[in-house]
Each structure stands twice: as C-alpha cells, then as structure tokens.
Amino acid sequence: MIKLNTNENPYPPSPTVIEALQRAANESLRLYPDPEGKALKQTIADMYGLTQDNVFLGNGSDEVLAHTFLGLLTHELPILFPDVTYSFYPVYCALYDIQYQTVPLDEDFQVNIEEYAQPNGGIVLANPNAPTGSAINVENLRRLIDHSRNSVVVVDEAYVDFGAESAIHLVKEFPNLLVVQTLSKSRSLAGLRVGFAIGNTCLIEALNLVKNCFNSYPLGRLALAGAEASLRDTEYFERTRHLIIQNRDLLAEELAALGFYVVPSKANFLFVRHVSYGAREIQQQLRQRKIVVRHFPHPRTVDFLRISIGTPEECAELIKALREILS
C-alpha cells in the first residue's frame, strides 16, 4: 500500500531521535515526566530568541488547538476562518459552543485579507492552508493581525517548513498573535505527538490554565526526549524537507502534464483537479492499485484530490497508475 492520504513524512526521523529515545527508555519511565517540559521549551525558545514563558507544549498540535479554542476564542462575536480549511476548526467550535463565520477563499483558493477586517471574536488561519496548500505572505499576515488587535489571531503552521514563511517573529510585535506548530510533518514525528504554540506570555498563561484542568502531563518522557533531539538536528531537518519540496515540485509538473489543475502549494501535499475525470472515480481507481489519496466531498472541493508527497519511488508509482487510469 502506498499511503499518500495523511501528509505523513515519507522519510524516517533523524537518527539522533532514535538514539535519544533509546537512552530515554530506561527505569525512569516509572516516574512522571516534567509537567512543564522545560528542556524542550528552552530548546524552542532559543530557536526564536524568546523565553520559556512564550512557549506552550501539547500532545500534538490538535491538542494545542483544542485548548486554544476553549481558552482564547470563546467570545460573543463569531470567530473567522476560511470556508475551505482544516476540518477540525468547526469541530472545536461545536464542542465548545463557539460561534463562527467562514470567509470564502477566492476562486484560486487564496485568502482575501481584506475580508477579515471586520468585528470578530478571533481569527484562525492555517498557513499554508489545508487542504489547498496555498500560503499567505508575512506582510499580508501583518496587515491582518494589525486590523484585529482587539482579538486573538491564531496562525496554524503545521506545514510551514515546506516553503512558507513563519509568523513567529511577529509575536514580539503583536501580543494578540499565537502561532501553532507541530513536529508531526516536517520532523517525521507523527508517532510521538508533539505540538507547541508560541505567543505573548498572557496567551501562554491562559493556555496553561486550560491544560492543567485536563492533564498536567501531556508529553511523556520519550516524546520530550525525541522532540528535543529532532529540533537540535538542523542538518537532517534541512536535508529531508528540501527533498520533499523537490519531490513536490516535480510531481506537480508531472500531474500538470497529465491534465491536472494543480493549486500552487507550499505544503507537503498537492491539491489537484483533473480537467476531464471526476476526483472520486480517480480515487477509487487508485485504491484498486493500492495507492491511497484523500478526497474532500465539500461542495467547493468535490472535484479535487489531496495527494501527500511521498518518496520519489512512490510518486513514480502514482504517476504510472494515473497514466493507466487516464488512458
């Protein structure tokens, strides 16, 4: 089975992560982990010239986002996010009884910054967006955050390392900005479940209050050790992420040559639509050939498939299968 449907990294974690996990797998596992994750927080803070008080840790970015919705986005006014975006945002709103309003992406699946300059209880933007892969440049983000200084702006950067520019450096400029990242994608650690948020100390304090009502120990000893080792191995990180970027750009060219419209992507996946064949039919035909891709039955995306970037060999098998199907 070639699995190109969940945006997992096709390359293994850094060898230093495996070594760190082996060292951490000792008798200390009988003890609770550091509830604050201070060593990992300091590693993250040092990367961006911040302090531990600017960093919040969670069991994957999904947990970080869940605490964010509950702790920072429960207001009288509705929060805003795109009509085509990460499917968990409306789920969190339903779970915590938060009003929301979707803002349509334009016809090219790009965010229109001006449409967010309206009263709101908060703004949530995935950048790059999922499932489209499109990204907002930092100058446009700065304008959007500046327009909404009275509400929290959450930038979900799960895929930022594949070609977009992070907004973390804006945290010092805007106390209403919270940036969320994960180690599941670009760091190949989906199995360890490590996410974090960076923001003003007041926002981080609010998240800690919510977290401690649920679970004071969200990250285990192995997750803390593996995450810290991964963040320190910048050479391996840079090499593998650039391989994925190269594979993505090559796959985009090959798909376009087969008659697919490809949304420009800054993520580790492509959002594509064939000019003649239905997305659902292509997905089923690929499944018969043991290749799994993602289909979104949303009215605006029903004709599109999201294809995760695999190894060069996996991408070559995908193209071979598509040639057979489309012929």
Protein backbone atom coordinates (compact mmCIF):
# COMPACT_ATOMS: atom_id res chain seq x y z
CA MET A 1 0.00 0.00 0.00
CA ILE A 2 1.29 3.45 -0.96
CA LYS A 3 -0.19 5.81 1.63
CA LEU A 4 -0.49 9.36 0.27
CA ASN A 5 -3.56 10.50 2.22
CA THR A 6 -2.45 11.76 5.66
CA ASN A 7 0.52 14.04 4.87
CA GLU A 8 2.98 11.97 6.85
CA ASN A 9 6.65 12.49 6.16
CA PRO A 10 7.99 9.81 3.77
CA TYR A 11 11.42 9.94 5.43
CA PRO A 12 12.27 8.50 8.86
CA PRO A 13 13.09 10.68 11.88
CA SER A 14 16.62 11.87 12.42
CA PRO A 15 18.96 9.10 13.67
CA THR A 16 19.65 11.30 16.70
CA VAL A 17 15.96 10.98 17.62
CA ILE A 18 16.21 7.18 17.68
CA GLU A 19 19.32 7.41 19.83
CA ALA A 20 17.60 9.82 22.23
CA LEU A 21 14.58 7.51 22.51
CA GLN A 22 16.83 4.54 23.26
CA ARG A 23 18.61 6.48 26.01
CA ALA A 24 15.28 7.65 27.48
CA ALA A 25 13.83 4.12 27.52
CA ASN A 26 15.18 3.29 30.97
CA GLU A 27 13.97 2.81 34.53
CA SER A 28 12.99 6.50 34.77
CA LEU A 29 9.83 5.64 32.82
CA ARG A 30 8.28 4.68 36.17
CA LEU A 31 8.34 8.40 37.05
CA TYR A 32 6.08 11.12 35.70
CA PRO A 33 7.66 13.38 33.07
CA ASP A 34 8.43 17.05 33.66
CA PRO A 35 4.94 18.63 33.54
CA GLU A 36 6.41 21.84 32.14
CA GLY A 37 8.74 20.21 29.62
CA LYS A 38 11.31 22.87 30.50
CA ALA A 39 14.20 21.45 28.47
CA LEU A 40 12.10 21.23 25.31
CA LYS A 41 10.58 24.66 25.93
CA GLN A 42 14.06 26.15 26.26
CA THR A 43 15.18 24.50 23.04
CA ILE A 44 12.21 26.02 21.19
CA ALA A 45 12.65 29.41 22.84
CA ASP A 46 16.35 29.52 21.88
CA MET A 47 15.47 28.85 18.24
CA TYR A 48 13.42 32.05 18.07
CA GLY A 49 15.10 34.34 20.60
CA LEU A 50 12.26 34.05 23.10
CA THR A 51 11.79 32.74 26.64
CA GLN A 52 10.13 29.63 28.03
CA ASP A 53 7.19 31.81 29.06
CA ASN A 54 6.45 32.31 25.35
CA VAL A 55 6.13 28.55 24.68
CA PHE A 56 3.27 26.13 25.30
CA LEU A 57 3.58 22.37 24.74
CA GLY A 58 0.84 19.91 23.84
CA ASN A 59 0.13 16.36 22.77
CA GLY A 60 0.29 17.21 19.07
CA SER A 61 -0.91 20.49 17.58
CA ASP A 62 -4.51 19.21 17.63
CA GLU A 63 -4.49 19.31 21.43
CA VAL A 64 -2.82 22.74 21.37
CA LEU A 65 -5.57 23.98 19.05
CA ALA A 66 -8.30 22.45 21.22
CA HIS A 67 -7.01 24.31 24.28
CA THR A 68 -6.68 27.46 22.18
CA PHE A 69 -10.31 27.38 21.08
CA LEU A 70 -11.52 26.82 24.64
CA GLY A 71 -9.14 29.23 26.38
CA LEU A 72 -8.79 32.09 23.89
CA LEU A 73 -11.66 32.04 21.37
CA THR A 74 -14.88 31.82 23.42
CA HIS A 75 -16.41 35.28 22.89
CA GLU A 76 -19.72 36.84 21.95
CA LEU A 77 -18.63 37.72 18.43
CA PRO A 78 -18.06 34.84 15.97
CA ILE A 79 -14.53 33.75 15.13
CA LEU A 80 -13.46 33.78 11.49
CA PHE A 81 -11.72 31.16 9.37
CA PRO A 82 -11.79 30.16 5.66
CA ASP A 83 -14.65 28.14 4.18
CA VAL A 84 -12.11 25.58 2.92
CA THR A 85 -9.61 24.81 5.66
CA TYR A 86 -8.67 22.32 8.37
CA SER A 87 -11.79 20.31 9.20
CA PHE A 88 -11.22 20.34 12.98
CA TYR A 89 -11.87 24.10 13.33
CA PRO A 90 -15.68 23.78 13.09
CA VAL A 91 -15.47 20.64 15.25
CA TYR A 92 -13.83 22.59 18.07
CA CYS A 93 -16.46 25.30 17.69
CA ALA A 94 -19.25 22.73 18.03
CA LEU A 95 -17.54 21.10 21.01
CA TYR A 96 -17.11 24.35 22.93
CA ASP A 97 -20.24 26.13 21.66
CA ILE A 98 -18.27 28.84 19.85
CA GLN A 99 -19.92 30.92 17.15
CA TYR A 100 -18.02 31.05 13.88
CA GLN A 101 -18.30 32.52 10.42
CA THR A 102 -16.48 31.17 7.38
CA VAL A 103 -14.83 33.57 4.94
CA PRO A 104 -14.76 32.23 1.36
CA LEU A 105 -11.42 31.70 -0.32
CA ASP A 106 -11.25 33.31 -3.75
CA GLU A 107 -11.64 31.28 -6.95
CA ASP A 108 -7.93 30.36 -6.84
CA PHE A 109 -8.27 29.14 -3.21
CA GLN A 110 -6.36 32.11 -1.83
CA VAL A 111 -7.17 34.02 1.39
CA ASN A 112 -8.52 37.55 0.85
CA ILE A 113 -7.00 39.50 3.74
CA GLU A 114 -9.37 42.44 3.40
CA GLU A 115 -12.43 40.30 4.17
CA TYR A 116 -11.11 39.63 7.68
CA ALA A 117 -11.11 43.33 8.58
CA GLN A 118 -14.46 43.07 10.40
CA PRO A 119 -15.53 42.72 14.04
CA ASN A 120 -14.71 39.23 15.27
CA GLY A 121 -14.09 37.10 18.33
CA GLY A 122 -10.83 35.79 16.87
CA ILE A 123 -9.28 34.65 13.60
CA VAL A 124 -7.84 31.21 12.81
CA LEU A 125 -5.74 30.71 9.69
CA ALA A 126 -3.82 27.64 8.60
CA ASN A 127 -0.74 28.86 6.78
CA PRO A 128 -0.10 27.04 4.49
CA ASN A 129 -3.77 26.24 4.29
CA ALA A 130 -5.07 22.69 4.41
CA PRO A 131 -6.16 21.06 2.17
CA THR A 132 -5.24 23.58 -0.52
CA GLY A 133 -1.54 24.13 0.27
CA SER A 134 -1.72 27.84 -0.55
CA ALA A 135 0.15 30.28 1.70
CA ILE A 136 -0.14 33.90 2.80
CA ASN A 137 3.00 36.01 2.82
CA VAL A 138 4.05 37.53 6.12
CA GLU A 139 3.37 41.12 5.08
CA ASN A 140 -0.27 40.28 4.42
CA LEU A 141 -0.42 38.45 7.74
CA ARG A 142 0.96 41.52 9.48
CA ARG A 143 -1.79 43.64 7.96
CA LEU A 144 -4.45 41.17 9.05
CA ILE A 145 -3.13 40.95 12.62
CA ASP A 146 -2.85 44.74 12.82
CA HIS A 147 -6.53 45.09 11.79
CA SER A 148 -7.61 42.74 14.60
CA ARG A 149 -5.55 43.92 17.57
CA ASN A 150 -8.58 43.52 19.87
CA SER A 151 -8.92 39.79 19.20
CA VAL A 152 -6.60 36.79 19.10
CA VAL A 153 -5.20 35.75 15.71
CA VAL A 154 -4.15 32.09 15.58
CA VAL A 155 -1.81 31.04 12.76
CA ASP A 156 -1.65 27.26 12.39
CA GLU A 157 1.72 26.49 10.82
CA ALA A 158 1.58 22.70 10.63
CA TYR A 159 3.08 22.78 7.11
CA VAL A 160 5.14 25.98 7.23
CA ASP A 161 8.52 24.26 6.81
CA PHE A 162 7.77 23.18 3.25
CA GLY A 163 8.11 26.61 1.67
CA ALA A 164 6.10 29.23 3.56
CA GLU A 165 7.42 31.91 5.91
CA SER A 166 6.71 31.57 9.61
CA ALA A 167 4.97 34.35 11.53
CA ILE A 168 6.76 33.53 14.79
CA HIS A 169 8.96 36.62 14.56
CA LEU A 170 5.79 38.75 14.68
CA VAL A 171 5.00 37.53 18.20
CA LYS A 172 7.24 40.24 19.68
CA GLU A 173 5.33 42.86 17.67
CA PHE A 174 1.76 41.65 18.26
CA PRO A 175 0.61 40.47 21.72
CA ASN A 176 -2.59 39.12 20.11
CA LEU A 177 -0.76 36.61 17.87
CA LEU A 178 -0.50 32.90 18.67
CA VAL A 179 1.49 30.64 16.31
CA VAL A 180 0.93 26.87 16.47
CA GLN A 181 3.34 24.29 15.06
CA THR A 182 3.77 20.52 15.09
CA LEU A 183 6.65 18.08 14.83
CA SER A 184 4.46 15.53 13.04
CA LYS A 185 5.10 16.71 9.48
CA SER A 186 8.49 18.21 8.72
CA ARG A 187 10.18 16.47 11.66
CA SER A 188 8.77 12.97 10.92
CA LEU A 189 7.41 12.58 14.46
CA ALA A 190 3.70 11.95 13.90
CA GLY A 191 4.00 8.89 16.14
CA LEU A 192 5.33 10.86 19.13
CA ARG A 193 2.53 13.50 19.18
CA VAL A 194 4.35 16.76 19.90
CA GLY A 195 2.98 20.22 19.18
CA PHE A 196 3.64 23.68 20.55
CA ALA A 197 2.38 27.25 20.49
CA ILE A 198 4.36 30.48 20.67
CA GLY A 199 2.83 33.75 21.78
CA ASN A 200 2.66 36.54 24.32
CA THR A 201 3.10 35.39 27.92
CA CYS A 202 -0.53 36.28 28.72
CA LEU A 203 -1.80 33.96 25.97
CA ILE A 204 0.52 31.17 27.10
CA GLU A 205 -0.61 31.58 30.70
CA ALA A 206 -4.24 31.19 29.63
CA LEU A 207 -3.39 28.01 27.72
CA ASN A 208 -1.59 26.58 30.75
CA LEU A 209 -4.66 27.22 32.91
CA VAL A 210 -6.80 25.24 30.48
CA LYS A 211 -4.25 22.44 30.08
CA ASN A 212 -3.91 21.88 33.81
CA CYS A 213 -7.67 21.36 34.08
CA PHE A 214 -7.34 18.36 31.73
CA ASN A 215 -3.88 16.82 32.02
CA SER A 216 -0.80 18.20 33.75
CA TYR A 217 1.47 15.73 31.91
CA PRO A 218 0.58 15.94 28.19
CA LEU A 219 4.02 14.88 26.92
CA GLY A 220 5.73 11.68 28.08
CA ARG A 221 9.43 11.24 28.68
CA LEU A 222 10.02 9.65 25.27
CA ALA A 223 8.16 12.41 23.42
CA LEU A 224 10.12 15.12 25.24
CA ALA A 225 13.45 13.43 24.54
CA GLY A 226 12.70 12.71 20.89
CA ALA A 227 11.36 16.19 20.19
CA GLU A 228 14.37 17.91 21.69
CA ALA A 229 16.78 15.74 19.70
CA SER A 230 14.87 16.41 16.48
CA LEU A 231 14.91 20.18 16.91
CA ARG A 232 18.65 20.13 17.53
CA ASP A 233 19.46 18.18 14.35
CA THR A 234 19.01 21.05 11.89
CA GLU A 235 21.18 19.44 9.21
CA TYR A 236 18.94 16.38 8.85
CA PHE A 237 15.82 18.56 9.02
CA GLU A 238 17.01 20.84 6.22
CA ARG A 239 18.06 17.94 4.00
CA THR A 240 14.80 16.00 4.25
CA ARG A 241 12.47 18.98 3.94
CA HIS A 242 14.26 20.13 0.79
CA LEU A 243 13.92 16.62 -0.65
CA ILE A 244 10.17 16.82 -0.08
CA ILE A 245 9.99 20.27 -1.69
CA GLN A 246 11.87 18.95 -4.74
CA ASN A 247 9.61 15.88 -4.94
CA ARG A 248 6.52 18.10 -4.66
CA ASP A 249 7.56 20.45 -7.44
CA LEU A 250 8.46 17.57 -9.75
CA LEU A 251 5.19 15.78 -9.02
CA ALA A 252 3.25 18.99 -9.70
CA GLU A 253 4.85 19.22 -13.16
CA GLU A 254 4.08 15.59 -13.95
CA LEU A 255 0.46 15.92 -12.80
CA ALA A 256 0.00 19.06 -14.89
CA ALA A 257 1.32 17.17 -17.91
CA LEU A 258 -1.44 14.57 -17.31
CA GLY A 259 -4.16 17.21 -17.44
CA PHE A 260 -4.48 18.09 -13.77
CA TYR A 261 -5.02 21.60 -12.47
CA VAL A 262 -2.62 21.92 -9.52
CA VAL A 263 -3.10 24.58 -6.84
CA PRO A 264 0.32 26.14 -6.10
CA SER A 265 1.48 24.51 -2.86
CA LYS A 266 3.82 25.44 -0.01
CA ALA A 267 2.98 22.25 1.90
CA ASN A 268 3.93 18.57 1.68
CA PHE A 269 0.87 17.79 -0.44
CA LEU A 270 -0.81 18.86 -3.67
CA PHE A 271 -4.45 19.81 -4.21
CA VAL A 272 -5.41 18.79 -7.75
CA ARG A 273 -8.37 18.51 -10.10
CA HIS A 274 -8.43 16.72 -13.45
CA VAL A 275 -9.97 18.60 -16.35
CA SER A 276 -11.92 15.56 -17.62
CA TYR A 277 -12.27 12.92 -14.91
CA GLY A 278 -14.02 13.01 -11.54
CA ALA A 279 -11.94 13.03 -8.35
CA ARG A 280 -13.95 10.26 -6.68
CA GLU A 281 -13.53 7.96 -9.68
CA ILE A 282 -9.78 8.55 -9.81
CA GLN A 283 -9.50 7.96 -6.06
CA GLN A 284 -11.30 4.61 -6.35
CA GLN A 285 -9.19 3.54 -9.32
CA LEU A 286 -6.02 4.38 -7.40
CA ARG A 287 -7.29 2.45 -4.39
CA GLN A 288 -7.69 -0.64 -6.56
CA ARG A 289 -3.99 -0.23 -7.36
CA LYS A 290 -3.19 0.07 -3.63
CA ILE A 291 -2.49 3.81 -3.73
CA VAL A 292 -4.45 5.89 -1.20
CA VAL A 293 -5.16 9.61 -1.67
CA ARG A 294 -7.66 11.94 0.04
CA HIS A 295 -10.95 13.18 -1.37
CA PHE A 296 -12.97 16.02 0.22
CA PRO A 297 -16.73 15.93 -0.54
CA HIS A 298 -17.19 19.62 0.33
CA PRO A 299 -19.19 21.47 -2.37
CA ARG A 300 -16.18 23.58 -3.38
CA THR A 301 -13.69 20.72 -3.26
CA VAL A 302 -15.69 17.75 -4.56
CA ASP A 303 -13.66 17.72 -7.80
CA PHE A 304 -10.30 17.79 -6.00
CA LEU A 305 -7.90 15.24 -4.58
CA ARG A 306 -5.23 15.92 -1.98
CA ILE A 307 -2.06 13.95 -2.61
CA SER A 308 0.66 13.72 0.03
CA ILE A 309 4.23 13.88 -1.20
CA GLY A 310 5.92 10.50 -0.91
CA THR A 311 9.37 9.28 -1.82
CA PRO A 312 10.47 9.63 -5.47
CA GLU A 313 9.68 5.94 -5.94
CA GLU A 314 6.17 6.32 -4.51
CA CYS A 315 5.50 9.38 -6.66
CA ALA A 316 6.69 7.48 -9.72
CA GLU A 317 4.25 4.64 -8.92
CA LEU A 318 1.45 7.20 -8.58
CA ILE A 319 2.19 8.72 -11.98
CA LYS A 320 2.40 5.27 -13.56
CA ALA A 321 -1.01 4.35 -12.11
CA LEU A 322 -2.58 7.64 -13.21
CA ARG A 323 -1.34 7.11 -16.76
CA GLU A 324 -3.10 3.74 -16.80
CA ILE A 325 -6.33 5.18 -15.35
CA LEU A 326 -6.48 8.21 -17.62
CA SER A 327 -5.72 6.17 -20.74
